[in-house]
Amino acid sequence: MSDSSKPATWRVVIAFILDLFASFMVFGYIIAAITGDTTEGGFSLNGGPAIALFALVIAYMVLMPRYGGRLFQRLLRVR
């Protein structure tokens, strides 16, 4: 496999950061809406809901590449 078929490192890093941020925001807001922890500026999670958020974000980051890739991996054609 030649180096020309690999994506640029900066695209891989940017895709990872954007996926991490997006999953944190989406899952965080969903959990906050379910638990009633929304605020005027977004959400504030403590205790169990915060642990659930971190578990979902980790699961998304680990499992999604096995099933076709994460959102920004696909958009930036890193996969």
Foldseek 3Di string as FASTA:
>chain_A
DDPVVADDPVLVVVLVVVLLVVLLQVLLQVLCVVVVQADPVGGDDDDPSVVVSVVRSVCCVPPVVVVPDTDSCVVSVRD
